[in-house]
Each structure stands twice: as C-alpha cells, then as structure tokens.
Amino acid sequence: MILFYAAGASSLAPHILLREANLFFSLEKVDLMTKRWSGGDYNEINPKSYVPALKLGDGDVLTECAVILQFIADLKSEQGLLPSPPLRSRYHALEWLNFIATEIHKNFITPERHGGVAANFLSKTAAGQQATRVLVSPRLAYIDRALGGRNYLMGASFTAPDAYLFVMLTWAQRLELDLSPWRNLSDYFERIAAMPSVCEARTIEGPPHSLKA
C-alpha cells in the first residue's frame, strides 16, 4: 500500500492508524500547491487534488479520510480499531467518523485561495482564522462533554475515530485555539500525542506548511 500525504494534513490520521495496525506501507509526499509528487501529477492519482489517497496493491485507489480509516481498521479487525459488524458499537464509531469529517474537518477548511490555488488549507488570514474558531468551537465543546469519563471516543481503547480527531486538534492548535477550557479534550489530546504510533508518524512527516499569509 502507498499512502499519499502532506505533512500535517488529514492524511496524518491514516498514517497514524497504519502504524498502530502494524501494516506494511510506503509513503509518498504530495505538494498541495503544485499538485505534484515524486511520480508526477498527483491529479492522476486523485482527481480531487487533495490527500489522503491510499493506493492498494492491485492499483485501486481509495480516497476520503473517513473511508480510508475504515479500510485500514478492517484489515486488522482483530486489533479492535473499529468494532466489527453487527455490533451496534461499530455504527457509533462510524457516527464519530462522519461527525468529525462533516462537522469538524470541513469547518476547518477555508474558502480563501492561496497563491490563486483553491485547496483544502487552513486559513492564513486573521479574519479567516477567527471565523474558523467560531465555527469549530461549539463542535469541540460537544466532544469535550462526550469524553466525560472516557479515555477515548469509544470508551477505554483507541479506535480509528481517535486518529482523525487527534489530527483535527493539531489543526486547532495551529489556529491558536486554546483547548485548556475543555479539560476532557485537552487531556485526551495529550494522551494520544504520547502514543508511539502518533509520535513516529509526526516525526516522519515533520512540520506542516506555514500559516503565515
């Protein structure tokens, strides 16, 4: 498998989960401004022009972060990275993946264009960043309440939605959105940040792109 990624982008979530699942994979870095990777035009891999994309051994390509996370988790179902059907808990896990994708992830994405390129980037302007904080904060407050008495979104163990939410919280930090008022969420972030799979993925990817205008 090949994971196409950009440092600090949502592709960090499947990167973390691949390591947590101990699966064999390789990485290909994508320049989101030029839409290039080491093999040429990234649009030939994913015509949507964003990451992540996961190229499988038979050449098939999966896109969309939430779907890729489900696929990875199901490859190692014995590890419990997603509950298996027909357990109802599986659908609660999918509920979290969908909430993060639609209510958190998409509200972080700016309508601004950077260098004339429409891209799935965080805002680089003060006004845009403030608008993002207004949109995202009530959603994070909801998650903070849901985490009461839990170490992870699904309870006592790390699952695929946690990888996705963790990356969204790194985006919050990049926009200087203080997590400390949400004690459950703040503790949750520190707990996941210390996981070996998370530390390794973040170290390999390095710092994300600058938010300076």
N, C-alpha and C. Protein backbone atom coordinates (compact mmCIF):
# COMPACT_ATOMS: atom_id res chain seq x y z
N MET A 1 0.85 -1.20 0.00
CA MET A 1 0.00 0.00 0.00
C MET A 1 0.88 1.24 0.00
N ILE A 2 0.39 2.28 -0.67
CA ILE A 2 1.08 3.57 -0.69
C ILE A 2 0.12 4.63 -0.17
N LEU A 3 0.54 5.34 0.87
CA LEU A 3 -0.25 6.45 1.39
C LEU A 3 0.31 7.75 0.83
N PHE A 4 -0.53 8.47 0.12
CA PHE A 4 -0.17 9.80 -0.37
C PHE A 4 -0.58 10.81 0.70
N TYR A 5 0.38 11.64 1.11
CA TYR A 5 0.16 12.50 2.27
C TYR A 5 0.77 13.88 2.05
N ALA A 6 0.36 14.82 2.86
CA ALA A 6 1.03 16.11 3.01
C ALA A 6 1.23 16.32 4.50
N ALA A 7 2.35 16.85 4.87
CA ALA A 7 2.70 16.97 6.29
C ALA A 7 1.62 17.73 7.06
N GLY A 8 1.11 17.10 8.12
CA GLY A 8 0.14 17.75 8.98
C GLY A 8 -1.26 17.81 8.45
N ALA A 9 -1.50 17.29 7.24
CA ALA A 9 -2.84 17.30 6.66
C ALA A 9 -3.67 16.18 7.27
N SER A 10 -4.91 16.04 6.83
CA SER A 10 -5.76 14.99 7.39
C SER A 10 -5.19 13.60 7.12
N SER A 11 -4.30 13.50 6.14
CA SER A 11 -3.64 12.22 5.84
C SER A 11 -2.80 11.72 7.01
N LEU A 12 -2.51 12.58 7.96
CA LEU A 12 -1.81 12.13 9.17
C LEU A 12 -2.62 11.08 9.92
N ALA A 13 -3.95 11.15 9.84
CA ALA A 13 -4.80 10.19 10.56
C ALA A 13 -4.60 8.77 10.04
N PRO A 14 -4.73 8.50 8.72
CA PRO A 14 -4.43 7.14 8.26
C PRO A 14 -2.97 6.75 8.45
N HIS A 15 -2.06 7.71 8.40
CA HIS A 15 -0.65 7.43 8.67
C HIS A 15 -0.50 6.86 10.08
N ILE A 16 -1.14 7.51 11.05
CA ILE A 16 -1.12 7.02 12.43
C ILE A 16 -1.73 5.63 12.53
N LEU A 17 -2.88 5.45 11.88
CA LEU A 17 -3.59 4.17 12.02
C LEU A 17 -2.83 3.03 11.35
N LEU A 18 -2.17 3.30 10.24
CA LEU A 18 -1.35 2.27 9.60
C LEU A 18 -0.25 1.80 10.53
N ARG A 19 0.35 2.72 11.24
CA ARG A 19 1.40 2.35 12.20
C ARG A 19 0.82 1.64 13.41
N GLU A 20 -0.32 2.09 13.87
CA GLU A 20 -0.96 1.45 15.01
C GLU A 20 -1.36 0.01 14.66
N ALA A 21 -1.74 -0.22 13.41
CA ALA A 21 -2.15 -1.55 12.97
C ALA A 21 -0.97 -2.44 12.57
N ASN A 22 0.25 -1.86 12.57
CA ASN A 22 1.45 -2.61 12.18
C ASN A 22 1.33 -3.19 10.77
N LEU A 23 0.81 -2.38 9.86
CA LEU A 23 0.68 -2.79 8.47
C LEU A 23 1.88 -2.31 7.65
N PHE A 24 2.21 -3.04 6.61
CA PHE A 24 3.30 -2.63 5.73
C PHE A 24 2.77 -1.62 4.72
N PHE A 25 3.47 -0.50 4.58
CA PHE A 25 3.06 0.54 3.63
C PHE A 25 4.25 1.42 3.33
N SER A 26 4.13 2.20 2.27
CA SER A 26 5.12 3.22 1.95
C SER A 26 4.42 4.57 1.86
N LEU A 27 5.21 5.62 1.90
CA LEU A 27 4.69 6.98 1.89
C LEU A 27 5.14 7.73 0.64
N GLU A 28 4.25 8.55 0.11
CA GLU A 28 4.59 9.47 -0.97
C GLU A 28 4.07 10.85 -0.61
N LYS A 29 4.98 11.80 -0.53
CA LYS A 29 4.61 13.17 -0.14
C LYS A 29 4.07 13.94 -1.34
N VAL A 30 2.99 14.69 -1.11
CA VAL A 30 2.35 15.47 -2.15
C VAL A 30 2.50 16.96 -1.84
N ASP A 31 2.87 17.74 -2.85
CA ASP A 31 2.88 19.19 -2.73
C ASP A 31 1.48 19.68 -3.10
N LEU A 32 0.74 20.16 -2.13
CA LEU A 32 -0.66 20.53 -2.38
C LEU A 32 -0.81 21.80 -3.19
N MET A 33 0.23 22.62 -3.26
CA MET A 33 0.16 23.82 -4.08
C MET A 33 0.35 23.50 -5.56
N THR A 34 1.35 22.67 -5.85
CA THR A 34 1.66 22.36 -7.24
C THR A 34 0.95 21.09 -7.73
N LYS A 35 0.38 20.33 -6.78
CA LYS A 35 -0.27 19.06 -7.10
C LYS A 35 0.71 18.07 -7.72
N ARG A 36 1.93 18.05 -7.18
CA ARG A 36 2.96 17.16 -7.69
C ARG A 36 3.43 16.21 -6.59
N TRP A 37 3.87 15.04 -7.02
CA TRP A 37 4.55 14.10 -6.13
C TRP A 37 5.74 13.54 -6.89
N SER A 38 6.48 12.63 -6.31
CA SER A 38 7.71 12.15 -6.95
C SER A 38 7.45 11.48 -8.29
N GLY A 39 6.22 10.99 -8.48
CA GLY A 39 5.88 10.31 -9.74
C GLY A 39 5.21 11.19 -10.77
N GLY A 40 5.02 12.49 -10.45
CA GLY A 40 4.42 13.39 -11.43
C GLY A 40 3.18 14.10 -10.94
N ASP A 41 2.15 14.09 -11.75
CA ASP A 41 0.91 14.84 -11.49
C ASP A 41 0.04 14.06 -10.51
N TYR A 42 -0.19 14.66 -9.33
CA TYR A 42 -0.99 13.97 -8.31
C TYR A 42 -2.44 13.81 -8.74
N ASN A 43 -2.92 14.69 -9.61
CA ASN A 43 -4.31 14.57 -10.08
C ASN A 43 -4.56 13.26 -10.83
N GLU A 44 -3.50 12.64 -11.31
CA GLU A 44 -3.65 11.34 -11.94
C GLU A 44 -3.87 10.24 -10.91
N ILE A 45 -3.47 10.49 -9.68
CA ILE A 45 -3.73 9.57 -8.59
C ILE A 45 -5.10 9.85 -7.98
N ASN A 46 -5.34 11.11 -7.67
CA ASN A 46 -6.61 11.52 -7.08
C ASN A 46 -7.10 12.80 -7.76
N PRO A 47 -8.04 12.70 -8.68
CA PRO A 47 -8.54 13.88 -9.39
C PRO A 47 -9.17 14.93 -8.48
N LYS A 48 -9.45 14.58 -7.22
CA LYS A 48 -9.98 15.56 -6.27
C LYS A 48 -8.90 16.53 -5.80
N SER A 49 -7.65 16.20 -6.05
CA SER A 49 -6.49 17.07 -5.78
C SER A 49 -6.13 17.23 -4.31
N TYR A 50 -6.69 16.40 -3.46
CA TYR A 50 -6.30 16.52 -2.04
C TYR A 50 -5.92 15.16 -1.48
N VAL A 51 -5.30 15.20 -0.32
CA VAL A 51 -4.91 13.98 0.39
C VAL A 51 -5.92 13.75 1.52
N PRO A 52 -5.98 12.49 2.01
CA PRO A 52 -5.16 11.34 1.66
C PRO A 52 -5.71 10.58 0.46
N ALA A 53 -4.81 9.78 -0.11
CA ALA A 53 -5.20 8.73 -1.05
C ALA A 53 -4.39 7.50 -0.68
N LEU A 54 -5.00 6.35 -0.77
CA LEU A 54 -4.33 5.10 -0.44
C LEU A 54 -4.37 4.19 -1.66
N LYS A 55 -3.19 3.95 -2.24
CA LYS A 55 -3.10 3.08 -3.42
C LYS A 55 -2.84 1.66 -2.96
N LEU A 56 -3.69 0.74 -3.38
CA LEU A 56 -3.62 -0.64 -2.94
C LEU A 56 -2.74 -1.46 -3.89
N GLY A 57 -2.43 -2.67 -3.46
CA GLY A 57 -1.52 -3.50 -4.22
C GLY A 57 -1.98 -3.81 -5.63
N ASP A 58 -3.28 -3.83 -5.86
CA ASP A 58 -3.80 -4.12 -7.19
C ASP A 58 -3.98 -2.88 -8.05
N GLY A 59 -3.53 -1.72 -7.52
CA GLY A 59 -3.62 -0.47 -8.26
C GLY A 59 -4.85 0.36 -7.96
N ASP A 60 -5.82 -0.22 -7.27
CA ASP A 60 -7.02 0.53 -6.90
C ASP A 60 -6.63 1.63 -5.91
N VAL A 61 -7.34 2.76 -5.97
CA VAL A 61 -7.05 3.90 -5.10
C VAL A 61 -8.29 4.26 -4.29
N LEU A 62 -8.11 4.33 -2.98
CA LEU A 62 -9.17 4.79 -2.09
C LEU A 62 -8.90 6.24 -1.71
N THR A 63 -9.96 7.04 -1.62
CA THR A 63 -9.85 8.42 -1.15
C THR A 63 -10.88 8.66 -0.05
N GLU A 64 -10.81 9.81 0.56
CA GLU A 64 -11.65 10.25 1.68
C GLU A 64 -11.14 9.65 3.00
N CYS A 65 -10.75 10.54 3.87
CA CYS A 65 -10.08 10.14 5.11
C CYS A 65 -10.90 9.13 5.91
N ALA A 66 -12.18 9.40 6.11
CA ALA A 66 -13.00 8.53 6.95
C ALA A 66 -13.10 7.12 6.36
N VAL A 67 -13.17 7.03 5.04
CA VAL A 67 -13.28 5.72 4.38
C VAL A 67 -11.96 4.97 4.47
N ILE A 68 -10.86 5.67 4.26
CA ILE A 68 -9.54 5.04 4.35
C ILE A 68 -9.30 4.51 5.77
N LEU A 69 -9.72 5.27 6.76
CA LEU A 69 -9.58 4.81 8.14
C LEU A 69 -10.37 3.53 8.39
N GLN A 70 -11.58 3.46 7.86
CA GLN A 70 -12.37 2.24 8.00
C GLN A 70 -11.68 1.06 7.33
N PHE A 71 -11.15 1.28 6.14
CA PHE A 71 -10.48 0.22 5.41
C PHE A 71 -9.28 -0.31 6.19
N ILE A 72 -8.45 0.59 6.69
CA ILE A 72 -7.27 0.18 7.45
C ILE A 72 -7.68 -0.62 8.69
N ALA A 73 -8.65 -0.10 9.42
CA ALA A 73 -9.10 -0.78 10.63
C ALA A 73 -9.62 -2.18 10.33
N ASP A 74 -10.32 -2.33 9.23
CA ASP A 74 -10.89 -3.63 8.89
C ASP A 74 -9.84 -4.62 8.41
N LEU A 75 -8.69 -4.13 7.94
CA LEU A 75 -7.60 -5.02 7.57
C LEU A 75 -7.03 -5.74 8.79
N LYS A 76 -7.15 -5.10 9.94
CA LYS A 76 -6.67 -5.69 11.19
C LYS A 76 -7.81 -5.69 12.20
N SER A 77 -8.90 -6.35 11.82
CA SER A 77 -10.10 -6.33 12.66
C SER A 77 -9.85 -6.89 14.05
N GLU A 78 -8.87 -7.80 14.16
CA GLU A 78 -8.59 -8.41 15.46
C GLU A 78 -8.02 -7.41 16.47
N GLN A 79 -7.54 -6.25 15.98
CA GLN A 79 -6.98 -5.26 16.89
C GLN A 79 -8.04 -4.32 17.46
N GLY A 80 -9.27 -4.41 16.97
CA GLY A 80 -10.34 -3.60 17.53
C GLY A 80 -10.25 -2.12 17.21
N LEU A 81 -9.61 -1.77 16.09
CA LEU A 81 -9.52 -0.36 15.71
C LEU A 81 -10.84 0.18 15.20
N LEU A 82 -11.74 -0.72 14.88
CA LEU A 82 -13.17 -0.44 14.70
C LEU A 82 -13.90 -1.69 15.19
N PRO A 83 -15.01 -1.52 15.90
CA PRO A 83 -15.81 -2.70 16.25
C PRO A 83 -16.30 -3.38 14.98
N SER A 84 -16.45 -4.68 15.04
CA SER A 84 -16.89 -5.45 13.87
C SER A 84 -18.41 -5.51 13.80
N PRO A 85 -18.98 -5.51 12.59
CA PRO A 85 -20.42 -5.72 12.48
C PRO A 85 -20.77 -7.15 12.90
N PRO A 86 -21.96 -7.39 13.45
CA PRO A 86 -23.10 -6.47 13.53
C PRO A 86 -23.18 -5.70 14.85
N LEU A 87 -22.05 -5.57 15.56
CA LEU A 87 -22.09 -4.85 16.84
C LEU A 87 -22.58 -3.42 16.63
N ARG A 88 -23.51 -2.99 17.46
CA ARG A 88 -24.02 -1.63 17.34
C ARG A 88 -22.93 -0.60 17.58
N SER A 89 -21.93 -0.97 18.39
CA SER A 89 -20.83 -0.03 18.66
C SER A 89 -20.09 0.35 17.38
N ARG A 90 -20.11 -0.53 16.37
CA ARG A 90 -19.48 -0.17 15.10
C ARG A 90 -20.14 1.06 14.51
N TYR A 91 -21.44 1.12 14.59
CA TYR A 91 -22.17 2.23 13.98
C TYR A 91 -22.02 3.52 14.78
N HIS A 92 -21.78 3.38 16.07
CA HIS A 92 -21.43 4.56 16.86
C HIS A 92 -20.03 5.07 16.49
N ALA A 93 -19.13 4.13 16.19
CA ALA A 93 -17.80 4.55 15.73
C ALA A 93 -17.89 5.25 14.38
N LEU A 94 -18.71 4.72 13.48
CA LEU A 94 -18.91 5.36 12.18
C LEU A 94 -19.60 6.71 12.34
N GLU A 95 -20.47 6.80 13.34
CA GLU A 95 -21.12 8.07 13.66
C GLU A 95 -20.06 9.12 14.00
N TRP A 96 -19.06 8.73 14.79
CA TRP A 96 -17.97 9.65 15.12
C TRP A 96 -17.17 10.02 13.88
N LEU A 97 -16.83 9.05 13.06
CA LEU A 97 -16.07 9.35 11.85
C LEU A 97 -16.81 10.35 10.97
N ASN A 98 -18.11 10.18 10.82
CA ASN A 98 -18.89 11.09 10.00
C ASN A 98 -19.00 12.47 10.63
N PHE A 99 -19.16 12.52 11.94
CA PHE A 99 -19.23 13.81 12.62
C PHE A 99 -17.92 14.57 12.46
N ILE A 100 -16.82 13.89 12.64
CA ILE A 100 -15.52 14.55 12.52
C ILE A 100 -15.31 15.05 11.09
N ALA A 101 -15.69 14.23 10.11
CA ALA A 101 -15.50 14.60 8.71
C ALA A 101 -16.34 15.80 8.31
N THR A 102 -17.60 15.81 8.74
CA THR A 102 -18.53 16.84 8.25
C THR A 102 -18.62 18.07 9.14
N GLU A 103 -18.50 17.87 10.44
CA GLU A 103 -18.71 18.99 11.37
C GLU A 103 -17.41 19.60 11.89
N ILE A 104 -16.33 18.83 11.88
CA ILE A 104 -15.04 19.36 12.35
C ILE A 104 -14.13 19.65 11.15
N HIS A 105 -13.81 18.62 10.40
CA HIS A 105 -12.86 18.76 9.28
C HIS A 105 -13.30 19.87 8.31
N LYS A 106 -14.51 19.79 7.81
CA LYS A 106 -14.93 20.74 6.79
C LYS A 106 -15.08 22.16 7.33
N ASN A 107 -15.32 22.31 8.61
CA ASN A 107 -15.40 23.66 9.17
C ASN A 107 -14.03 24.27 9.41
N PHE A 108 -12.99 23.46 9.34
CA PHE A 108 -11.63 24.00 9.41
C PHE A 108 -11.15 24.51 8.05
N ILE A 109 -11.76 24.03 6.97
CA ILE A 109 -11.26 24.36 5.64
C ILE A 109 -11.71 25.76 5.23
N THR A 110 -10.74 26.55 4.79
CA THR A 110 -11.02 27.94 4.45
C THR A 110 -11.54 28.09 3.02
N PRO A 111 -12.42 29.06 2.77
CA PRO A 111 -12.81 29.36 1.39
C PRO A 111 -11.77 30.21 0.68
N GLU A 112 -10.75 30.70 1.41
CA GLU A 112 -9.71 31.54 0.82
C GLU A 112 -8.90 30.75 -0.21
N ARG A 113 -8.33 31.48 -1.14
CA ARG A 113 -7.44 30.86 -2.12
C ARG A 113 -6.02 31.29 -1.80
N HIS A 114 -5.09 30.35 -1.85
CA HIS A 114 -3.69 30.63 -1.55
C HIS A 114 -2.88 30.55 -2.84
N GLY A 115 -2.28 31.65 -3.19
CA GLY A 115 -1.50 31.67 -4.42
C GLY A 115 -2.33 31.38 -5.65
N GLY A 116 -3.62 31.76 -5.60
CA GLY A 116 -4.50 31.51 -6.73
C GLY A 116 -4.98 30.08 -6.83
N VAL A 117 -4.61 29.26 -5.84
CA VAL A 117 -4.98 27.84 -5.88
C VAL A 117 -6.07 27.56 -4.86
N ALA A 118 -7.16 27.00 -5.30
CA ALA A 118 -8.21 26.55 -4.39
C ALA A 118 -7.76 25.23 -3.79
N ALA A 119 -7.61 25.19 -2.48
CA ALA A 119 -7.07 23.98 -1.85
C ALA A 119 -7.69 23.78 -0.49
N ASN A 120 -7.59 22.56 -0.01
CA ASN A 120 -8.10 22.26 1.33
C ASN A 120 -7.07 22.67 2.36
N PHE A 121 -6.96 23.97 2.59
CA PHE A 121 -5.99 24.51 3.53
C PHE A 121 -6.69 25.19 4.70
N LEU A 122 -5.96 25.34 5.80
CA LEU A 122 -6.40 26.19 6.89
C LEU A 122 -6.21 27.65 6.48
N SER A 123 -7.00 28.52 7.08
CA SER A 123 -6.91 29.94 6.76
C SER A 123 -5.55 30.51 7.16
N LYS A 124 -5.06 31.44 6.34
CA LYS A 124 -3.82 32.13 6.64
C LYS A 124 -4.05 33.57 7.10
N THR A 125 -5.29 34.03 7.09
CA THR A 125 -5.57 35.40 7.49
C THR A 125 -6.19 35.43 8.89
N ALA A 126 -5.98 36.55 9.60
CA ALA A 126 -6.51 36.67 10.95
C ALA A 126 -8.03 36.56 10.95
N ALA A 127 -8.68 37.20 9.98
CA ALA A 127 -10.14 37.17 9.92
C ALA A 127 -10.64 35.75 9.64
N GLY A 128 -9.98 35.08 8.72
CA GLY A 128 -10.37 33.72 8.37
C GLY A 128 -10.16 32.75 9.52
N GLN A 129 -9.07 32.92 10.24
CA GLN A 129 -8.79 32.05 11.38
C GLN A 129 -9.80 32.26 12.49
N GLN A 130 -10.19 33.51 12.72
CA GLN A 130 -11.19 33.79 13.74
C GLN A 130 -12.55 33.19 13.35
N ALA A 131 -12.89 33.29 12.09
CA ALA A 131 -14.15 32.71 11.61
C ALA A 131 -14.15 31.19 11.81
N THR A 132 -13.00 30.57 11.57
CA THR A 132 -12.88 29.14 11.78
C THR A 132 -13.07 28.78 13.24
N ARG A 133 -12.44 29.55 14.12
CA ARG A 133 -12.57 29.28 15.56
C ARG A 133 -14.03 29.35 16.02
N VAL A 134 -14.76 30.31 15.47
CA VAL A 134 -16.18 30.45 15.83
C VAL A 134 -16.97 29.23 15.39
N LEU A 135 -16.68 28.71 14.21
CA LEU A 135 -17.40 27.55 13.69
C LEU A 135 -17.05 26.27 14.45
N VAL A 136 -15.78 26.10 14.76
CA VAL A 136 -15.30 24.84 15.30
C VAL A 136 -15.54 24.71 16.80
N SER A 137 -15.46 25.81 17.54
CA SER A 137 -15.50 25.75 19.00
C SER A 137 -16.72 25.02 19.57
N PRO A 138 -17.95 25.29 19.12
CA PRO A 138 -19.08 24.56 19.71
C PRO A 138 -19.04 23.07 19.41
N ARG A 139 -18.46 22.69 18.28
CA ARG A 139 -18.33 21.27 17.98
C ARG A 139 -17.31 20.59 18.91
N LEU A 140 -16.22 21.30 19.20
CA LEU A 140 -15.23 20.76 20.13
C LEU A 140 -15.79 20.71 21.54
N ALA A 141 -16.61 21.67 21.89
CA ALA A 141 -17.25 21.65 23.21
C ALA A 141 -18.15 20.44 23.35
N TYR A 142 -18.85 20.09 22.28
CA TYR A 142 -19.69 18.89 22.29
C TYR A 142 -18.85 17.64 22.54
N ILE A 143 -17.72 17.53 21.85
CA ILE A 143 -16.85 16.37 22.03
C ILE A 143 -16.28 16.33 23.44
N ASP A 144 -15.94 17.49 23.97
CA ASP A 144 -15.44 17.55 25.34
C ASP A 144 -16.45 16.95 26.31
N ARG A 145 -17.70 17.28 26.13
CA ARG A 145 -18.74 16.71 27.00
C ARG A 145 -18.86 15.21 26.80
N ALA A 146 -18.77 14.77 25.55
CA ALA A 146 -18.90 13.34 25.26
C ALA A 146 -17.74 12.53 25.85
N LEU A 147 -16.59 13.16 26.04
CA LEU A 147 -15.42 12.48 26.58
C LEU A 147 -15.46 12.34 28.10
N GLY A 148 -16.44 12.89 28.74
CA GLY A 148 -16.54 12.79 30.20
C GLY A 148 -16.54 11.32 30.64
N GLY A 149 -15.57 10.94 31.46
CA GLY A 149 -15.48 9.57 31.95
C GLY A 149 -14.90 8.59 30.96
N ARG A 150 -14.38 9.07 29.83
CA ARG A 150 -13.80 8.19 28.81
C ARG A 150 -12.36 8.60 28.52
N ASN A 151 -11.54 7.62 28.20
CA ASN A 151 -10.19 7.93 27.74
C ASN A 151 -10.17 8.21 26.24
N TYR A 152 -11.10 7.57 25.51
CA TYR A 152 -11.14 7.70 24.05
C TYR A 152 -12.60 7.84 23.61
N LEU A 153 -12.80 8.15 22.35
CA LEU A 153 -14.16 8.41 21.87
C LEU A 153 -15.09 7.22 22.07
N MET A 154 -14.55 6.02 21.91
CA MET A 154 -15.38 4.82 22.04
C MET A 154 -15.27 4.19 23.43
N GLY A 155 -14.58 4.85 24.34
CA GLY A 155 -14.51 4.33 25.70
C GLY A 155 -13.09 4.12 26.18
N ALA A 156 -12.71 2.86 26.40
CA ALA A 156 -11.44 2.58 27.05
C ALA A 156 -10.28 2.36 26.08
N SER A 157 -10.56 2.20 24.78
CA SER A 157 -9.48 1.88 23.84
C SER A 157 -9.48 2.81 22.64
N PHE A 158 -8.29 2.99 22.06
CA PHE A 158 -8.06 3.82 20.88
C PHE A 158 -8.67 3.15 19.65
N THR A 159 -9.43 3.91 18.86
CA THR A 159 -10.01 3.41 17.63
C THR A 159 -9.79 4.42 16.50
N ALA A 160 -10.22 4.05 15.30
CA ALA A 160 -10.00 4.88 14.12
C ALA A 160 -10.47 6.33 14.29
N PRO A 161 -11.65 6.58 14.88
CA PRO A 161 -12.06 7.98 15.04
C PRO A 161 -11.10 8.82 15.87
N ASP A 162 -10.39 8.19 16.79
CA ASP A 162 -9.44 8.94 17.61
C ASP A 162 -8.28 9.47 16.77
N ALA A 163 -7.82 8.69 15.80
CA ALA A 163 -6.75 9.16 14.93
C ALA A 163 -7.19 10.40 14.17
N TYR A 164 -8.42 10.39 13.69
CA TYR A 164 -8.96 11.52 12.92
C TYR A 164 -9.13 12.74 13.81
N LEU A 165 -9.74 12.55 14.98
CA LEU A 165 -9.96 13.69 15.87
C LEU A 165 -8.64 14.29 16.32
N PHE A 166 -7.65 13.45 16.60
CA PHE A 166 -6.36 13.98 17.05
C PHE A 166 -5.79 14.96 16.03
N VAL A 167 -5.86 14.60 14.74
CA VAL A 167 -5.33 15.49 13.71
C VAL A 167 -6.10 16.81 13.69
N MET A 168 -7.40 16.74 13.86
CA MET A 168 -8.19 17.97 13.91
C MET A 168 -7.78 18.85 15.09
N LEU A 169 -7.40 18.24 16.19
CA LEU A 169 -6.96 19.01 17.35
C LEU A 169 -5.59 19.65 17.10
N THR A 170 -4.75 19.01 16.30
CA THR A 170 -3.49 19.67 15.93
C THR A 170 -3.79 20.90 15.07
N TRP A 171 -4.83 20.82 14.25
CA TRP A 171 -5.23 21.99 13.46
C TRP A 171 -5.72 23.10 14.38
N ALA A 172 -6.46 22.74 15.41
CA ALA A 172 -6.92 23.74 16.37
C ALA A 172 -5.74 24.46 17.00
N GLN A 173 -4.72 23.72 17.36
CA GLN A 173 -3.53 24.33 17.93
C GLN A 173 -2.85 25.27 16.94
N ARG A 174 -2.81 24.88 15.68
CA ARG A 174 -2.17 25.72 14.67
C ARG A 174 -2.91 27.04 14.50
N LEU A 175 -4.21 27.03 14.77
CA LEU A 175 -5.00 28.26 14.70
C LEU A 175 -5.09 28.96 16.06
N GLU A 176 -4.24 28.52 16.99
CA GLU A 176 -4.17 29.11 18.34
C GLU A 176 -5.51 29.04 19.05
N LEU A 177 -6.21 27.94 18.85
CA LEU A 177 -7.45 27.69 19.56
C LEU A 177 -7.11 26.94 20.83
N ASP A 178 -7.24 27.61 21.95
CA ASP A 178 -6.83 27.08 23.25
C ASP A 178 -7.77 25.96 23.68
N LEU A 179 -7.20 24.77 23.89
CA LEU A 179 -8.01 23.62 24.31
C LEU A 179 -8.20 23.55 25.82
N SER A 180 -7.45 24.35 26.58
CA SER A 180 -7.45 24.20 28.04
C SER A 180 -8.81 24.41 28.69
N PRO A 181 -9.71 25.24 28.15
CA PRO A 181 -11.04 25.34 28.78
C PRO A 181 -11.84 24.04 28.71
N TRP A 182 -11.48 23.18 27.76
CA TRP A 182 -12.14 21.88 27.62
C TRP A 182 -11.22 20.83 28.21
N ARG A 183 -11.35 20.60 29.48
CA ARG A 183 -10.39 19.77 30.20
C ARG A 183 -10.34 18.34 29.66
N ASN A 184 -11.50 17.76 29.39
CA ASN A 184 -11.51 16.39 28.87
C ASN A 184 -10.79 16.31 27.53
N LEU A 185 -11.04 17.29 26.69
CA LEU A 185 -10.44 17.30 25.35
C LEU A 185 -8.94 17.55 25.43
N SER A 186 -8.53 18.45 26.32
CA SER A 186 -7.12 18.74 26.49
C SER A 186 -6.35 17.52 26.98
N ASP A 187 -6.90 16.83 27.97
CA ASP A 187 -6.25 15.61 28.48
C ASP A 187 -6.20 14.53 27.40
N TYR A 188 -7.27 14.43 26.65
CA TYR A 188 -7.37 13.46 25.54
C TYR A 188 -6.26 13.72 24.52
N PHE A 189 -6.07 14.97 24.15
CA PHE A 189 -5.04 15.32 23.18
C PHE A 189 -3.66 14.88 23.67
N GLU A 190 -3.35 15.18 24.92
CA GLU A 190 -2.04 14.82 25.46
C GLU A 190 -1.87 13.31 25.53
N ARG A 191 -2.93 12.60 25.83
CA ARG A 191 -2.88 11.14 25.92
C ARG A 191 -2.52 10.53 24.56
N ILE A 192 -3.18 11.01 23.51
CA ILE A 192 -2.93 10.45 22.19
C ILE A 192 -1.59 10.92 21.63
N ALA A 193 -1.22 12.14 21.92
CA ALA A 193 0.06 12.67 21.43
C ALA A 193 1.24 11.86 21.93
N ALA A 194 1.09 11.19 23.06
CA ALA A 194 2.18 10.40 23.64
C ALA A 194 2.25 8.98 23.09
N MET A 195 1.27 8.56 22.28
CA MET A 195 1.29 7.20 21.74
C MET A 195 2.46 7.02 20.77
N PRO A 196 3.17 5.88 20.83
CA PRO A 196 4.32 5.68 19.94
C PRO A 196 3.98 5.83 18.45
N SER A 197 2.84 5.31 18.02
CA SER A 197 2.47 5.41 16.60
C SER A 197 2.27 6.86 16.19
N VAL A 198 1.74 7.65 17.08
CA VAL A 198 1.50 9.07 16.80
C VAL A 198 2.83 9.82 16.76
N CYS A 199 3.68 9.58 17.73
CA CYS A 199 4.99 10.24 17.77
C CYS A 199 5.80 9.91 16.53
N GLU A 200 5.77 8.65 16.11
CA GLU A 200 6.54 8.23 14.95
C GLU A 200 6.01 8.89 13.67
N ALA A 201 4.71 8.88 13.49
CA ALA A 201 4.13 9.48 12.28
C ALA A 201 4.42 10.97 12.21
N ARG A 202 4.29 11.67 13.32
CA ARG A 202 4.52 13.12 13.33
C ARG A 202 6.00 13.44 13.08
N THR A 203 6.87 12.63 13.63
CA THR A 203 8.31 12.85 13.43
C THR A 203 8.68 12.64 11.97
N ILE A 204 8.16 11.59 11.36
CA ILE A 204 8.47 11.29 9.96
C ILE A 204 7.94 12.38 9.04
N GLU A 205 6.74 12.87 9.29
CA GLU A 205 6.14 13.88 8.41
C GLU A 205 6.80 15.25 8.58
N GLY A 206 7.22 15.57 9.80
CA GLY A 206 7.81 16.87 10.04
C GLY A 206 6.77 17.97 10.15
N PRO A 207 7.21 19.22 10.22
CA PRO A 207 6.28 20.33 10.44
C PRO A 207 5.35 20.56 9.26
N PRO A 208 4.11 20.96 9.53
CA PRO A 208 3.17 21.27 8.44
C PRO A 208 3.51 22.59 7.79
N HIS A 209 2.81 22.88 6.71
CA HIS A 209 3.04 24.13 5.99
C HIS A 209 2.73 25.33 6.87
N SER A 210 3.36 26.45 6.57
CA SER A 210 3.19 27.67 7.36
C SER A 210 1.79 28.24 7.17
N LEU A 211 1.30 28.90 8.23
CA LEU A 211 0.01 29.59 8.14
C LEU A 211 0.19 31.10 7.94
N LYS A 212 1.42 31.54 7.73
CA LYS A 212 1.65 32.96 7.52
C LYS A 212 1.14 33.37 6.14
N ALA A 213 0.47 34.51 6.11
CA ALA A 213 -0.11 34.98 4.84
C ALA A 213 1.00 35.43 3.89
